[in-house]
Amino acid sequence: MGALVTLDLPADAPALTLPWIITFGPMDDEEEWEPVVCGPYERAHALALAEAVVADEDLMAVVEPLQPHVTVAQIQGDIAASRMAAENEDLETAALDEEMGDHHHDHDHDEDEDHTHEPPSVDDIRAGFARIAAKLTS
């Protein structure tokens, strides 16, 4: 069984309405092949497809929102925010490692989420594409 990694977002997070992509790659460094990126999908479709693919495969699937930025400044702003978040996470992890003796585990996917391993139908995905296209062109 593979692994699925996604963002844990509150129910009202604006990112939930964005298009989402899936990146499939090897679980370990011993396998060497280029990751496969799929999408865009609506979030529920991306999660269901990723779960169906990794259910019986030793793969890593990363499901994340696709940011439809239209300026260099928007992209640079997200890069800066991501770097700052990583620095803060490194500091928090170091403090937690010191406090817990390096025995904690990070869980990026909520095990209690109600997802099935059944992928959405082709018609559902195409309808999702239409909704995404409408959002991107509005």
N, C-alpha and C. Protein backbone atom coordinates (compact mmCIF):
# COMPACT_ATOMS: atom_id res chain seq x y z
N MET A 1 0.84 -1.18 0.00
CA MET A 1 0.00 0.00 0.00
C MET A 1 0.88 1.24 0.00
N GLY A 2 0.49 2.21 -0.79
CA GLY A 2 1.25 3.44 -0.91
C GLY A 2 0.85 4.48 0.12
N ALA A 3 1.27 5.69 -0.13
CA ALA A 3 1.00 6.79 0.79
C ALA A 3 0.38 7.95 0.05
N LEU A 4 -0.55 8.61 0.72
CA LEU A 4 -1.20 9.80 0.18
C LEU A 4 -0.90 10.96 1.10
N VAL A 5 -0.42 12.05 0.54
CA VAL A 5 -0.09 13.25 1.30
C VAL A 5 -0.91 14.39 0.74
N THR A 6 -1.58 15.12 1.62
CA THR A 6 -2.34 16.29 1.19
C THR A 6 -2.36 17.30 2.33
N LEU A 7 -2.89 18.46 2.05
CA LEU A 7 -3.00 19.51 3.05
C LEU A 7 -4.20 19.24 3.95
N ASP A 8 -4.04 19.51 5.22
CA ASP A 8 -5.14 19.43 6.18
C ASP A 8 -5.69 20.84 6.31
N LEU A 9 -6.82 21.09 5.66
CA LEU A 9 -7.37 22.44 5.59
C LEU A 9 -8.70 22.52 6.33
N PRO A 10 -9.00 23.69 6.90
CA PRO A 10 -10.33 23.88 7.50
C PRO A 10 -11.41 23.85 6.42
N ALA A 11 -12.62 23.53 6.81
CA ALA A 11 -13.73 23.37 5.87
C ALA A 11 -14.00 24.63 5.04
N ASP A 12 -13.63 25.80 5.54
CA ASP A 12 -13.90 27.04 4.81
C ASP A 12 -12.66 27.60 4.10
N ALA A 13 -11.62 26.81 3.96
CA ALA A 13 -10.39 27.29 3.33
C ALA A 13 -10.62 27.59 1.84
N PRO A 14 -10.20 28.76 1.38
CA PRO A 14 -10.37 29.12 -0.03
C PRO A 14 -9.69 28.13 -0.98
N ALA A 15 -8.61 27.51 -0.56
CA ALA A 15 -7.88 26.57 -1.42
C ALA A 15 -8.73 25.36 -1.81
N LEU A 16 -9.75 25.06 -1.03
CA LEU A 16 -10.60 23.91 -1.34
C LEU A 16 -11.34 24.07 -2.67
N THR A 17 -11.54 25.31 -3.09
CA THR A 17 -12.27 25.56 -4.35
C THR A 17 -11.33 25.65 -5.56
N LEU A 18 -10.04 25.61 -5.34
CA LEU A 18 -9.07 25.68 -6.44
C LEU A 18 -8.99 24.34 -7.17
N PRO A 19 -8.43 24.35 -8.37
CA PRO A 19 -8.11 23.08 -9.03
C PRO A 19 -6.98 22.40 -8.25
N TRP A 20 -6.96 21.05 -8.25
CA TRP A 20 -5.95 20.29 -7.53
C TRP A 20 -5.22 19.37 -8.50
N ILE A 21 -3.95 19.12 -8.21
CA ILE A 21 -3.15 18.20 -9.01
C ILE A 21 -2.67 17.05 -8.13
N ILE A 22 -2.30 15.97 -8.79
CA ILE A 22 -1.74 14.81 -8.10
C ILE A 22 -0.36 14.56 -8.70
N THR A 23 0.64 14.37 -7.84
CA THR A 23 1.96 13.98 -8.28
C THR A 23 2.24 12.59 -7.72
N PHE A 24 2.42 11.63 -8.62
CA PHE A 24 2.74 10.25 -8.24
C PHE A 24 4.24 10.03 -8.41
N GLY A 25 4.84 9.41 -7.41
CA GLY A 25 6.27 9.13 -7.48
C GLY A 25 6.61 7.91 -6.65
N PRO A 26 7.89 7.52 -6.69
CA PRO A 26 8.32 6.35 -5.93
C PRO A 26 8.30 6.63 -4.42
N MET A 27 8.09 5.57 -3.65
CA MET A 27 8.08 5.70 -2.19
C MET A 27 9.48 5.87 -1.62
N ASP A 28 10.47 5.32 -2.29
CA ASP A 28 11.83 5.39 -1.74
C ASP A 28 12.81 5.83 -2.82
N ASP A 29 14.02 6.13 -2.38
CA ASP A 29 15.06 6.64 -3.28
C ASP A 29 15.67 5.56 -4.16
N GLU A 30 15.40 4.29 -3.88
CA GLU A 30 15.98 3.21 -4.67
C GLU A 30 15.36 3.15 -6.07
N GLU A 31 14.10 3.51 -6.19
CA GLU A 31 13.46 3.56 -7.50
C GLU A 31 13.76 4.91 -8.13
N GLU A 32 14.15 4.88 -9.38
CA GLU A 32 14.45 6.14 -10.07
C GLU A 32 13.60 6.25 -11.32
N TRP A 33 12.58 7.09 -11.25
CA TRP A 33 11.77 7.43 -12.41
C TRP A 33 11.14 8.79 -12.15
N GLU A 34 10.83 9.46 -13.23
CA GLU A 34 10.28 10.81 -13.13
C GLU A 34 8.85 10.74 -12.60
N PRO A 35 8.52 11.58 -11.64
CA PRO A 35 7.15 11.62 -11.13
C PRO A 35 6.14 11.94 -12.24
N VAL A 36 4.94 11.47 -12.06
CA VAL A 36 3.85 11.71 -13.00
C VAL A 36 2.89 12.69 -12.36
N VAL A 37 2.62 13.80 -13.05
CA VAL A 37 1.73 14.84 -12.54
C VAL A 37 0.43 14.78 -13.34
N CYS A 38 -0.70 14.71 -12.63
CA CYS A 38 -2.02 14.61 -13.26
C CYS A 38 -2.92 15.74 -12.76
N GLY A 39 -3.84 16.14 -13.61
CA GLY A 39 -4.81 17.15 -13.21
C GLY A 39 -4.86 18.26 -14.22
N PRO A 40 -5.61 19.26 -13.95
CA PRO A 40 -6.26 19.61 -12.68
C PRO A 40 -7.59 18.88 -12.48
N TYR A 41 -7.91 18.69 -11.20
CA TYR A 41 -9.15 18.07 -10.78
C TYR A 41 -9.77 18.91 -9.66
N GLU A 42 -11.03 18.67 -9.38
CA GLU A 42 -11.60 19.17 -8.15
C GLU A 42 -10.99 18.34 -7.02
N ARG A 43 -10.91 18.90 -5.82
CA ARG A 43 -10.20 18.24 -4.72
C ARG A 43 -10.72 16.84 -4.44
N ALA A 44 -12.03 16.67 -4.36
CA ALA A 44 -12.59 15.35 -4.04
C ALA A 44 -12.20 14.32 -5.10
N HIS A 45 -12.21 14.74 -6.37
CA HIS A 45 -11.82 13.83 -7.44
C HIS A 45 -10.33 13.48 -7.33
N ALA A 46 -9.50 14.47 -7.05
CA ALA A 46 -8.06 14.24 -6.92
C ALA A 46 -7.77 13.25 -5.79
N LEU A 47 -8.42 13.45 -4.65
CA LEU A 47 -8.21 12.53 -3.52
C LEU A 47 -8.66 11.12 -3.86
N ALA A 48 -9.82 10.99 -4.48
CA ALA A 48 -10.34 9.67 -4.81
C ALA A 48 -9.45 8.96 -5.83
N LEU A 49 -9.00 9.68 -6.86
CA LEU A 49 -8.11 9.07 -7.85
C LEU A 49 -6.78 8.66 -7.21
N ALA A 50 -6.21 9.53 -6.41
CA ALA A 50 -4.93 9.22 -5.76
C ALA A 50 -5.07 7.99 -4.86
N GLU A 51 -6.14 7.94 -4.08
CA GLU A 51 -6.35 6.79 -3.19
C GLU A 51 -6.51 5.50 -3.98
N ALA A 52 -7.22 5.56 -5.10
CA ALA A 52 -7.42 4.36 -5.91
C ALA A 52 -6.09 3.87 -6.49
N VAL A 53 -5.22 4.78 -6.90
CA VAL A 53 -3.94 4.39 -7.49
C VAL A 53 -2.99 3.83 -6.44
N VAL A 54 -2.89 4.46 -5.27
CA VAL A 54 -1.92 4.00 -4.26
C VAL A 54 -2.45 2.87 -3.38
N ALA A 55 -3.72 2.50 -3.53
CA ALA A 55 -4.30 1.46 -2.68
C ALA A 55 -3.51 0.16 -2.76
N ASP A 56 -3.10 -0.23 -3.94
CA ASP A 56 -2.41 -1.50 -4.12
C ASP A 56 -1.00 -1.34 -4.69
N GLU A 57 -0.51 -0.13 -4.74
CA GLU A 57 0.81 0.14 -5.31
C GLU A 57 1.71 0.77 -4.25
N ASP A 58 2.99 0.49 -4.32
CA ASP A 58 3.95 1.08 -3.40
C ASP A 58 4.42 2.42 -3.98
N LEU A 59 3.49 3.40 -3.99
CA LEU A 59 3.72 4.71 -4.56
C LEU A 59 3.40 5.80 -3.56
N MET A 60 3.93 6.98 -3.81
CA MET A 60 3.60 8.18 -3.05
C MET A 60 2.75 9.05 -3.95
N ALA A 61 1.63 9.54 -3.42
CA ALA A 61 0.78 10.49 -4.15
C ALA A 61 0.67 11.76 -3.32
N VAL A 62 0.99 12.87 -3.93
CA VAL A 62 0.86 14.18 -3.28
C VAL A 62 -0.26 14.92 -3.99
N VAL A 63 -1.29 15.28 -3.22
CA VAL A 63 -2.45 15.98 -3.76
C VAL A 63 -2.39 17.42 -3.23
N GLU A 64 -2.32 18.37 -4.15
CA GLU A 64 -2.16 19.76 -3.73
C GLU A 64 -2.89 20.71 -4.67
N PRO A 65 -3.24 21.89 -4.14
CA PRO A 65 -3.97 22.85 -4.98
C PRO A 65 -3.04 23.46 -6.03
N LEU A 66 -3.64 23.76 -7.16
CA LEU A 66 -2.94 24.43 -8.24
C LEU A 66 -3.27 25.92 -8.14
N GLN A 67 -2.25 26.71 -7.96
CA GLN A 67 -2.45 28.15 -7.78
C GLN A 67 -2.49 28.85 -9.14
N PRO A 68 -3.62 29.40 -9.53
CA PRO A 68 -3.72 30.04 -10.85
C PRO A 68 -3.20 31.48 -10.83
N HIS A 69 -1.92 31.62 -10.49
CA HIS A 69 -1.33 32.96 -10.45
C HIS A 69 -1.15 33.51 -11.85
N VAL A 70 -1.31 34.81 -11.97
CA VAL A 70 -1.17 35.45 -13.28
C VAL A 70 -0.05 36.49 -13.31
N THR A 71 0.65 36.67 -12.17
CA THR A 71 1.77 37.62 -12.16
C THR A 71 2.97 36.98 -11.48
N VAL A 72 4.15 37.48 -11.84
CA VAL A 72 5.39 37.03 -11.21
C VAL A 72 5.35 37.36 -9.72
N ALA A 73 4.81 38.51 -9.35
CA ALA A 73 4.76 38.92 -7.94
C ALA A 73 3.94 37.93 -7.10
N GLN A 74 2.83 37.42 -7.65
CA GLN A 74 2.03 36.44 -6.92
C GLN A 74 2.83 35.16 -6.68
N ILE A 75 3.54 34.72 -7.71
CA ILE A 75 4.36 33.50 -7.57
C ILE A 75 5.46 33.72 -6.55
N GLN A 76 6.15 34.86 -6.65
CA GLN A 76 7.23 35.17 -5.71
C GLN A 76 6.71 35.27 -4.28
N GLY A 77 5.51 35.81 -4.12
CA GLY A 77 4.91 35.90 -2.79
C GLY A 77 4.65 34.53 -2.19
N ASP A 78 4.15 33.61 -2.99
CA ASP A 78 3.92 32.24 -2.50
C ASP A 78 5.23 31.53 -2.18
N ILE A 79 6.25 31.76 -3.00
CA ILE A 79 7.57 31.16 -2.72
C ILE A 79 8.11 31.67 -1.40
N ALA A 80 8.02 32.98 -1.18
CA ALA A 80 8.50 33.56 0.07
C ALA A 80 7.72 33.02 1.26
N ALA A 81 6.41 32.92 1.13
CA ALA A 81 5.59 32.39 2.22
C ALA A 81 5.94 30.93 2.50
N SER A 82 6.18 30.15 1.46
CA SER A 82 6.54 28.75 1.63
C SER A 82 7.89 28.60 2.33
N ARG A 83 8.83 29.44 1.94
CA ARG A 83 10.15 29.40 2.59
C ARG A 83 10.05 29.76 4.07
N MET A 84 9.26 30.79 4.37
CA MET A 84 9.09 31.19 5.78
C MET A 84 8.41 30.08 6.57
N ALA A 85 7.41 29.45 5.98
CA ALA A 85 6.71 28.35 6.67
C ALA A 85 7.67 27.19 6.93
N ALA A 86 8.54 26.89 5.97
CA ALA A 86 9.51 25.80 6.14
C ALA A 86 10.50 26.12 7.25
N GLU A 87 10.96 27.37 7.29
CA GLU A 87 11.87 27.77 8.36
C GLU A 87 11.20 27.65 9.72
N ASN A 88 9.95 28.10 9.81
CA ASN A 88 9.21 27.99 11.08
C ASN A 88 8.99 26.54 11.45
N GLU A 89 8.69 25.70 10.48
CA GLU A 89 8.47 24.28 10.74
C GLU A 89 9.76 23.62 11.22
N ASP A 90 10.89 24.00 10.62
CA ASP A 90 12.17 23.46 11.05
C ASP A 90 12.45 23.82 12.51
N LEU A 91 12.15 25.07 12.88
CA LEU A 91 12.35 25.49 14.25
C LEU A 91 11.43 24.73 15.20
N GLU A 92 10.16 24.58 14.80
CA GLU A 92 9.20 23.85 15.63
C GLU A 92 9.59 22.38 15.75
N THR A 93 10.03 21.77 14.66
CA THR A 93 10.43 20.36 14.68
C THR A 93 11.65 20.16 15.57
N ALA A 94 12.61 21.07 15.48
CA ALA A 94 13.80 20.97 16.32
C ALA A 94 13.43 21.06 17.79
N ALA A 95 12.53 21.98 18.12
CA ALA A 95 12.09 22.12 19.51
C ALA A 95 11.33 20.88 19.97
N LEU A 96 10.48 20.34 19.11
CA LEU A 96 9.72 19.14 19.44
C LEU A 96 10.64 17.93 19.57
N ASP A 97 11.63 17.82 18.69
CA ASP A 97 12.60 16.72 18.77
C ASP A 97 13.33 16.76 20.10
N GLU A 98 13.73 17.97 20.50
CA GLU A 98 14.44 18.12 21.76
C GLU A 98 13.54 17.74 22.93
N GLU A 99 12.29 18.19 22.87
CA GLU A 99 11.33 17.93 23.94
C GLU A 99 10.92 16.45 24.02
N MET A 100 10.73 15.81 22.85
CA MET A 100 10.21 14.44 22.82
C MET A 100 11.29 13.40 22.54
N GLY A 101 12.52 13.81 22.44
CA GLY A 101 13.57 12.85 22.16
C GLY A 101 13.50 12.27 20.76
N ASP A 102 12.97 13.02 19.81
CA ASP A 102 12.89 12.62 18.40
C ASP A 102 12.03 11.38 18.18
N HIS A 103 10.94 11.23 18.95
CA HIS A 103 10.05 10.08 18.81
C HIS A 103 8.67 10.45 18.32
N HIS A 104 8.51 11.55 17.64
CA HIS A 104 7.19 11.94 17.14
C HIS A 104 7.06 11.54 15.67
N HIS A 105 5.83 11.52 15.19
CA HIS A 105 5.55 11.17 13.80
C HIS A 105 4.65 12.25 13.20
N ASP A 106 4.95 12.64 11.96
CA ASP A 106 4.12 13.61 11.27
C ASP A 106 3.10 12.85 10.43
N HIS A 107 1.85 13.27 10.48
CA HIS A 107 0.80 12.66 9.68
C HIS A 107 0.19 13.73 8.81
N ASP A 108 0.43 13.64 7.49
CA ASP A 108 -0.07 14.64 6.57
C ASP A 108 -1.47 14.34 6.06
N HIS A 109 -1.94 13.10 6.27
CA HIS A 109 -3.26 12.71 5.77
C HIS A 109 -4.10 12.25 6.94
N ASP A 110 -5.23 12.85 7.11
CA ASP A 110 -6.13 12.52 8.21
C ASP A 110 -6.76 11.16 7.95
N GLU A 111 -6.46 10.18 8.80
CA GLU A 111 -6.95 8.81 8.64
C GLU A 111 -8.47 8.74 8.78
N ASP A 112 -9.09 9.70 9.44
CA ASP A 112 -10.52 9.65 9.69
C ASP A 112 -11.34 10.24 8.55
N GLU A 113 -10.69 10.83 7.55
CA GLU A 113 -11.44 11.41 6.44
C GLU A 113 -12.21 10.31 5.73
N ASP A 114 -13.41 10.64 5.28
CA ASP A 114 -14.27 9.65 4.65
C ASP A 114 -14.03 9.63 3.14
N HIS A 115 -13.05 8.83 2.72
CA HIS A 115 -12.73 8.68 1.31
C HIS A 115 -12.82 7.21 0.95
N THR A 116 -13.19 6.94 -0.28
CA THR A 116 -13.23 5.57 -0.75
C THR A 116 -12.08 5.35 -1.72
N HIS A 117 -11.86 4.12 -2.09
CA HIS A 117 -10.83 3.82 -3.07
C HIS A 117 -11.43 3.74 -4.46
N GLU A 118 -12.68 4.13 -4.61
CA GLU A 118 -13.34 4.14 -5.90
C GLU A 118 -13.10 5.48 -6.58
N PRO A 119 -12.49 5.46 -7.74
CA PRO A 119 -12.28 6.73 -8.44
C PRO A 119 -13.59 7.26 -8.99
N PRO A 120 -13.66 8.56 -9.22
CA PRO A 120 -14.87 9.13 -9.82
C PRO A 120 -15.00 8.65 -11.26
N SER A 121 -16.21 8.70 -11.78
CA SER A 121 -16.44 8.28 -13.16
C SER A 121 -15.82 9.29 -14.13
N VAL A 122 -15.64 8.85 -15.35
CA VAL A 122 -15.10 9.73 -16.40
C VAL A 122 -16.02 10.94 -16.57
N ASP A 123 -17.33 10.73 -16.54
CA ASP A 123 -18.27 11.85 -16.68
C ASP A 123 -18.14 12.84 -15.53
N ASP A 124 -17.97 12.33 -14.29
CA ASP A 124 -17.79 13.21 -13.13
C ASP A 124 -16.52 14.04 -13.29
N ILE A 125 -15.44 13.41 -13.73
CA ILE A 125 -14.18 14.14 -13.91
C ILE A 125 -14.31 15.19 -14.99
N ARG A 126 -14.95 14.84 -16.10
CA ARG A 126 -15.13 15.82 -17.18
C ARG A 126 -16.00 16.99 -16.73
N ALA A 127 -17.02 16.71 -15.93
CA ALA A 127 -17.85 17.80 -15.38
C ALA A 127 -17.01 18.67 -14.46
N GLY A 128 -16.11 18.05 -13.69
CA GLY A 128 -15.19 18.82 -12.84
C GLY A 128 -14.27 19.69 -13.67
N PHE A 129 -13.76 19.16 -14.79
CA PHE A 129 -12.93 19.96 -15.69
C PHE A 129 -13.68 21.20 -16.16
N ALA A 130 -14.95 21.02 -16.50
CA ALA A 130 -15.76 22.15 -16.97
C ALA A 130 -15.91 23.20 -15.87
N ARG A 131 -16.15 22.75 -14.64
CA ARG A 131 -16.27 23.70 -13.54
C ARG A 131 -14.97 24.43 -13.29
N ILE A 132 -13.84 23.72 -13.37
CA ILE A 132 -12.52 24.34 -13.19
C ILE A 132 -12.27 25.35 -14.29
N ALA A 133 -12.56 24.99 -15.53
CA ALA A 133 -12.36 25.91 -16.65
C ALA A 133 -13.19 27.16 -16.47
N ALA A 134 -14.42 27.01 -16.00
CA ALA A 134 -15.28 28.18 -15.78
C ALA A 134 -14.67 29.08 -14.71
N LYS A 135 -14.11 28.50 -13.64
CA LYS A 135 -13.48 29.30 -12.58
C LYS A 135 -12.25 30.02 -13.10
N LEU A 136 -11.44 29.34 -13.89
CA LEU A 136 -10.21 29.94 -14.38
C LEU A 136 -10.45 31.02 -15.42
N THR A 137 -11.57 30.97 -16.12
CA THR A 137 -11.83 31.96 -17.16
C THR A 137 -12.80 33.06 -16.72
N SER A 138 -13.27 32.98 -15.47
CA SER A 138 -14.20 34.01 -15.01
C SER A 138 -13.47 35.21 -14.44
